[in-house]
Amino acid sequence: MKKTERELPITADRDPGEEDLVGVAAQGFLMNPMSSAIPGWISGYVTLPPRAIKDAEGVGYCSQVFFVAECQPGSFEVAIAMPQDQQIVFEPESAQRYLLSPGDQFFVAPGNVYRLQNHSKKVDCKLFWTIIKVAR
């Protein structure tokens, strides 16, 4: 693990058959909002080893954009759910799920919750991300 990398926490119970494996994440840049018209942003990357999960996380009022740089084709899953009643709870039954490959991109709109999973048994998954912060 590089100095700037931090191991992702396990924040939810895993389903039977799912491993207690997590990935690492690192922040590269942090730009604060410049004005009420120019939002701030943060960027970095996350790496998920084979069978690892990044547990569900809400994005609040921010938007988050991801680029899938490396993975086994069709083995990286993103699940995006819109919580009901403004609670930041990932509801797996209502989540939209996508299997992605290297070169794919996706975003998580404000107010949503997302979860990442590498289904590969052999290949790491590396994603680059940008969080677009609300200008106030």
C-alpha atoms as a PDB file:
ATOM      1  CA  MET A   1       0.000   0.000   0.000  1.00  0.00           C
ATOM      2  CA  LYS A   2       1.356   3.440  -0.939  1.00  0.00           C
ATOM      3  CA  LYS A   3       1.700   6.141   1.727  1.00  0.00           C
ATOM      4  CA  THR A   4      -1.275   8.082   0.408  1.00  0.00           C
ATOM      5  CA  GLU A   5      -3.517   5.019   0.143  1.00  0.00           C
ATOM      6  CA  ARG A   6      -5.994   4.174   2.880  1.00  0.00           C
ATOM      7  CA  GLU A   7      -7.740   0.851   3.331  1.00  0.00           C
ATOM      8  CA  LEU A   8     -11.491   1.132   2.853  1.00  0.00           C
ATOM      9  CA  PRO A   9     -13.579   0.236   5.910  1.00  0.00           C
ATOM     10  CA  ILE A  10     -16.132  -2.555   6.161  1.00  0.00           C
ATOM     11  CA  THR A  11     -19.332  -0.699   7.023  1.00  0.00           C
ATOM     12  CA  ALA A  12     -21.997  -3.331   6.299  1.00  0.00           C
ATOM     13  CA  ASP A  13     -22.665  -7.002   6.819  1.00  0.00           C
ATOM     14  CA  ARG A  14     -21.732  -9.148   3.839  1.00  0.00           C
ATOM     15  CA  ASP A  15     -24.096 -11.611   2.209  1.00  0.00           C
ATOM     16  CA  PRO A  16     -23.318 -15.333   2.428  1.00  0.00           C
ATOM     17  CA  GLY A  17     -20.573 -16.156  -0.073  1.00  0.00           C
ATOM     18  CA  GLU A  18     -19.194 -12.615  -0.122  1.00  0.00           C
ATOM     19  CA  GLU A  19     -15.656 -12.126   1.139  1.00  0.00           C
ATOM     20  CA  ASP A  20     -14.594  -9.672   3.849  1.00  0.00           C
ATOM     21  CA  LEU A  21     -12.134  -8.130   1.395  1.00  0.00           C
ATOM     22  CA  VAL A  22     -11.842  -4.387   0.810  1.00  0.00           C
ATOM     23  CA  GLY A  23      -9.779  -2.167  -1.408  1.00  0.00           C
ATOM     24  CA  VAL A  24      -7.688   0.937  -0.984  1.00  0.00           C
ATOM     25  CA  ALA A  25      -8.352   4.529  -1.980  1.00  0.00           C
ATOM     26  CA  ALA A  26      -6.221   7.623  -2.404  1.00  0.00           C
ATOM     27  CA  GLN A  27      -7.027  11.284  -2.916  1.00  0.00           C
ATOM     28  CA  GLY A  28      -4.971  13.140  -5.503  1.00  0.00           C
ATOM     29  CA  PHE A  29      -6.397  16.657  -5.599  1.00  0.00           C
ATOM     30  CA  LEU A  30      -8.676  18.821  -3.472  1.00  0.00           C
ATOM     31  CA  MET A  31      -9.955  22.079  -4.949  1.00  0.00           C
ATOM     32  CA  ASN A  32     -12.275  24.160  -2.775  1.00  0.00           C
ATOM     33  CA  PRO A  33     -15.143  26.086  -4.389  1.00  0.00           C
ATOM     34  CA  MET A  34     -13.891  29.345  -5.892  1.00  0.00           C
ATOM     35  CA  SER A  35     -17.257  31.105  -5.754  1.00  0.00           C
ATOM     36  CA  SER A  36     -20.965  30.356  -5.603  1.00  0.00           C
ATOM     37  CA  ALA A  37     -20.806  29.713  -9.365  1.00  0.00           C
ATOM     38  CA  ILE A  38     -17.653  27.555  -9.458  1.00  0.00           C
ATOM     39  CA  PRO A  39     -17.899  24.306  -7.482  1.00  0.00           C
ATOM     40  CA  GLY A  40     -15.016  22.554  -5.801  1.00  0.00           C
ATOM     41  CA  TRP A  41     -13.862  19.062  -6.601  1.00  0.00           C
ATOM     42  CA  ILE A  42     -11.809  16.177  -5.261  1.00  0.00           C
ATOM     43  CA  SER A  43     -10.171  13.436  -7.328  1.00  0.00           C
ATOM     44  CA  GLY A  44      -8.371  10.189  -6.706  1.00  0.00           C
ATOM     45  CA  TYR A  45      -8.575   6.463  -7.271  1.00  0.00           C
ATOM     46  CA  VAL A  46      -9.777   3.249  -5.687  1.00  0.00           C
ATOM     47  CA  THR A  47      -8.336  -0.219  -6.237  1.00  0.00           C
ATOM     48  CA  LEU A  48     -10.375  -3.336  -5.454  1.00  0.00           C
ATOM     49  CA  PRO A  49      -8.501  -6.641  -5.372  1.00  0.00           C
ATOM     50  CA  PRO A  50     -10.257  -9.779  -6.622  1.00  0.00           C
ATOM     51  CA  ARG A  51     -13.577 -10.425  -4.791  1.00  0.00           C
ATOM     52  CA  ALA A  52     -13.343  -7.133  -2.840  1.00  0.00           C
ATOM     53  CA  ILE A  53     -16.255  -4.810  -2.065  1.00  0.00           C
ATOM     54  CA  LYS A  54     -16.506  -1.089  -1.384  1.00  0.00           C
ATOM     55  CA  ASP A  55     -19.505  -0.939   0.900  1.00  0.00           C
ATOM     56  CA  ALA A  56     -22.365   1.415   0.163  1.00  0.00           C
ATOM     57  CA  GLU A  57     -21.766   5.144   0.493  1.00  0.00           C
ATOM     58  CA  GLY A  58     -24.083   8.092  -0.018  1.00  0.00           C
ATOM     59  CA  VAL A  59     -22.906  11.062  -2.073  1.00  0.00           C
ATOM     60  CA  GLY A  60     -25.083  13.656  -0.325  1.00  0.00           C
ATOM     61  CA  TYR A  61     -25.423  16.823  -2.396  1.00  0.00           C
ATOM     62  CA  CYS A  62     -22.321  16.034  -4.462  1.00  0.00           C
ATOM     63  CA  SER A  63     -22.010  14.247  -7.802  1.00  0.00           C
ATOM     64  CA  GLN A  64     -19.396  11.549  -8.252  1.00  0.00           C
ATOM     65  CA  VAL A  65     -17.909  10.505 -11.610  1.00  0.00           C
ATOM     66  CA  PHE A  66     -15.912   7.275 -12.111  1.00  0.00           C
ATOM     67  CA  PHE A  67     -13.691   5.938 -14.904  1.00  0.00           C
ATOM     68  CA  VAL A  68     -12.929   2.202 -14.963  1.00  0.00           C
ATOM     69  CA  ALA A  69      -9.227   2.017 -15.839  1.00  0.00           C
ATOM     70  CA  GLU A  70      -8.467  -1.656 -15.196  1.00  0.00           C
ATOM     71  CA  CYS A  71     -10.508  -4.781 -14.474  1.00  0.00           C
ATOM     72  CA  GLN A  72     -11.480  -8.109 -15.942  1.00  0.00           C
ATOM     73  CA  PRO A  73     -14.053  -7.289 -18.644  1.00  0.00           C
ATOM     74  CA  GLY A  74     -17.613  -7.598 -17.359  1.00  0.00           C
ATOM     75  CA  SER A  75     -16.555  -8.384 -13.781  1.00  0.00           C
ATOM     76  CA  PHE A  76     -16.839  -5.014 -12.068  1.00  0.00           C
ATOM     77  CA  GLU A  77     -20.275  -4.227 -10.610  1.00  0.00           C
ATOM     78  CA  VAL A  78     -21.637  -0.860  -9.622  1.00  0.00           C
ATOM     79  CA  ALA A  79     -24.990  -0.771  -7.825  1.00  0.00           C
ATOM     80  CA  ILE A  80     -26.763   2.583  -7.477  1.00  0.00           C
ATOM     81  CA  ALA A  81     -29.814   3.108  -5.287  1.00  0.00           C
ATOM     82  CA  MET A  82     -31.917   6.128  -4.439  1.00  0.00           C
ATOM     83  CA  PRO A  83     -32.781   5.863  -0.761  1.00  0.00           C
ATOM     84  CA  GLN A  84     -36.358   6.406   0.296  1.00  0.00           C
ATOM     85  CA  ASP A  85     -37.345   9.022   2.863  1.00  0.00           C
ATOM     86  CA  GLN A  86     -33.979  10.852   2.558  1.00  0.00           C
ATOM     87  CA  GLN A  87     -32.199   8.171   4.607  1.00  0.00           C
ATOM     88  CA  ILE A  88     -28.704   7.212   3.496  1.00  0.00           C
ATOM     89  CA  VAL A  89     -29.420   3.501   3.414  1.00  0.00           C
ATOM     90  CA  PHE A  90     -28.476   1.238   0.538  1.00  0.00           C
ATOM     91  CA  GLU A  91     -31.475  -0.844  -0.447  1.00  0.00           C
ATOM     92  CA  PRO A  92     -30.150  -3.753  -2.538  1.00  0.00           C
ATOM     93  CA  GLU A  93     -33.618  -4.736  -3.763  1.00  0.00           C
ATOM     94  CA  SER A  94     -34.160  -1.393  -5.516  1.00  0.00           C
ATOM     95  CA  ALA A  95     -30.588  -0.807  -6.727  1.00  0.00           C
ATOM     96  CA  GLN A  96     -29.794  -0.591 -10.409  1.00  0.00           C
ATOM     97  CA  ARG A  97     -26.796  -2.842 -11.128  1.00  0.00           C
ATOM     98  CA  TYR A  98     -24.325  -2.675 -13.995  1.00  0.00           C
ATOM     99  CA  LEU A  99     -21.396  -4.930 -14.938  1.00  0.00           C
ATOM    100  CA  LEU A 100     -18.622  -2.806 -16.413  1.00  0.00           C
ATOM    101  CA  SER A 101     -15.328  -3.244 -18.262  1.00  0.00           C
ATOM    102  CA  PRO A 102     -12.130  -1.203 -18.737  1.00  0.00           C
ATOM    103  CA  GLY A 103     -12.866   2.130 -20.426  1.00  0.00           C
ATOM    104  CA  ASP A 104     -16.416   2.378 -19.054  1.00  0.00           C
ATOM    105  CA  GLN A 105     -17.588   5.405 -17.093  1.00  0.00           C
ATOM    106  CA  PHE A 106     -20.474   6.067 -14.729  1.00  0.00           C
ATOM    107  CA  PHE A 107     -21.696   8.733 -12.339  1.00  0.00           C
ATOM    108  CA  VAL A 108     -23.675   8.843  -9.131  1.00  0.00           C
ATOM    109  CA  ALA A 109     -26.140  11.715  -8.971  1.00  0.00           C
ATOM    110  CA  PRO A 110     -26.770  13.747  -5.797  1.00  0.00           C
ATOM    111  CA  GLY A 111     -28.918  12.019  -3.204  1.00  0.00           C
ATOM    112  CA  ASN A 112     -27.974   8.493  -4.293  1.00  0.00           C
ATOM    113  CA  VAL A 113     -26.059   5.667  -2.643  1.00  0.00           C
ATOM    114  CA  TYR A 114     -23.613   3.409  -4.476  1.00  0.00           C
ATOM    115  CA  ARG A 115     -21.746   0.145  -3.843  1.00  0.00           C
ATOM    116  CA  LEU A 116     -18.784  -1.301  -5.793  1.00  0.00           C
ATOM    117  CA  GLN A 117     -17.804  -4.959  -6.170  1.00  0.00           C
ATOM    118  CA  ASN A 118     -15.045  -6.734  -8.078  1.00  0.00           C
ATOM    119  CA  HIS A 119     -16.393 -10.163  -9.063  1.00  0.00           C
ATOM    120  CA  SER A 120     -13.117 -11.269 -10.667  1.00  0.00           C
ATOM    121  CA  LYS A 121     -11.240 -14.087  -8.973  1.00  0.00           C
ATOM    122  CA  LYS A 122      -7.859 -13.019 -10.410  1.00  0.00           C
ATOM    123  CA  VAL A 123      -7.749  -9.392 -11.604  1.00  0.00           C
ATOM    124  CA  ASP A 124      -7.632  -6.136  -9.602  1.00  0.00           C
ATOM    125  CA  CYS A 125     -10.056  -3.362 -10.515  1.00  0.00           C
ATOM    126  CA  LYS A 126      -8.777   0.235 -10.594  1.00  0.00           C
ATOM    127  CA  LEU A 127     -11.113   3.212 -10.863  1.00  0.00           C
ATOM    128  CA  PHE A 128     -10.391   6.916 -11.029  1.00  0.00           C
ATOM    129  CA  TRP A 129     -13.003   9.210  -9.455  1.00  0.00           C
ATOM    130  CA  THR A 130     -13.933  12.864  -9.177  1.00  0.00           C
ATOM    131  CA  ILE A 131     -16.339  14.294  -6.629  1.00  0.00           C
ATOM    132  CA  ILE A 132     -17.983  17.552  -7.684  1.00  0.00           C
ATOM    133  CA  LYS A 133     -18.811  19.506  -4.563  1.00  0.00           C
ATOM    134  CA  VAL A 134     -21.772  21.823  -4.192  1.00  0.00           C
ATOM    135  CA  ALA A 135     -20.968  25.499  -4.700  1.00  0.00           C
ATOM    136  CA  ARG A 136     -22.425  27.523  -1.863  1.00  0.00           C
END
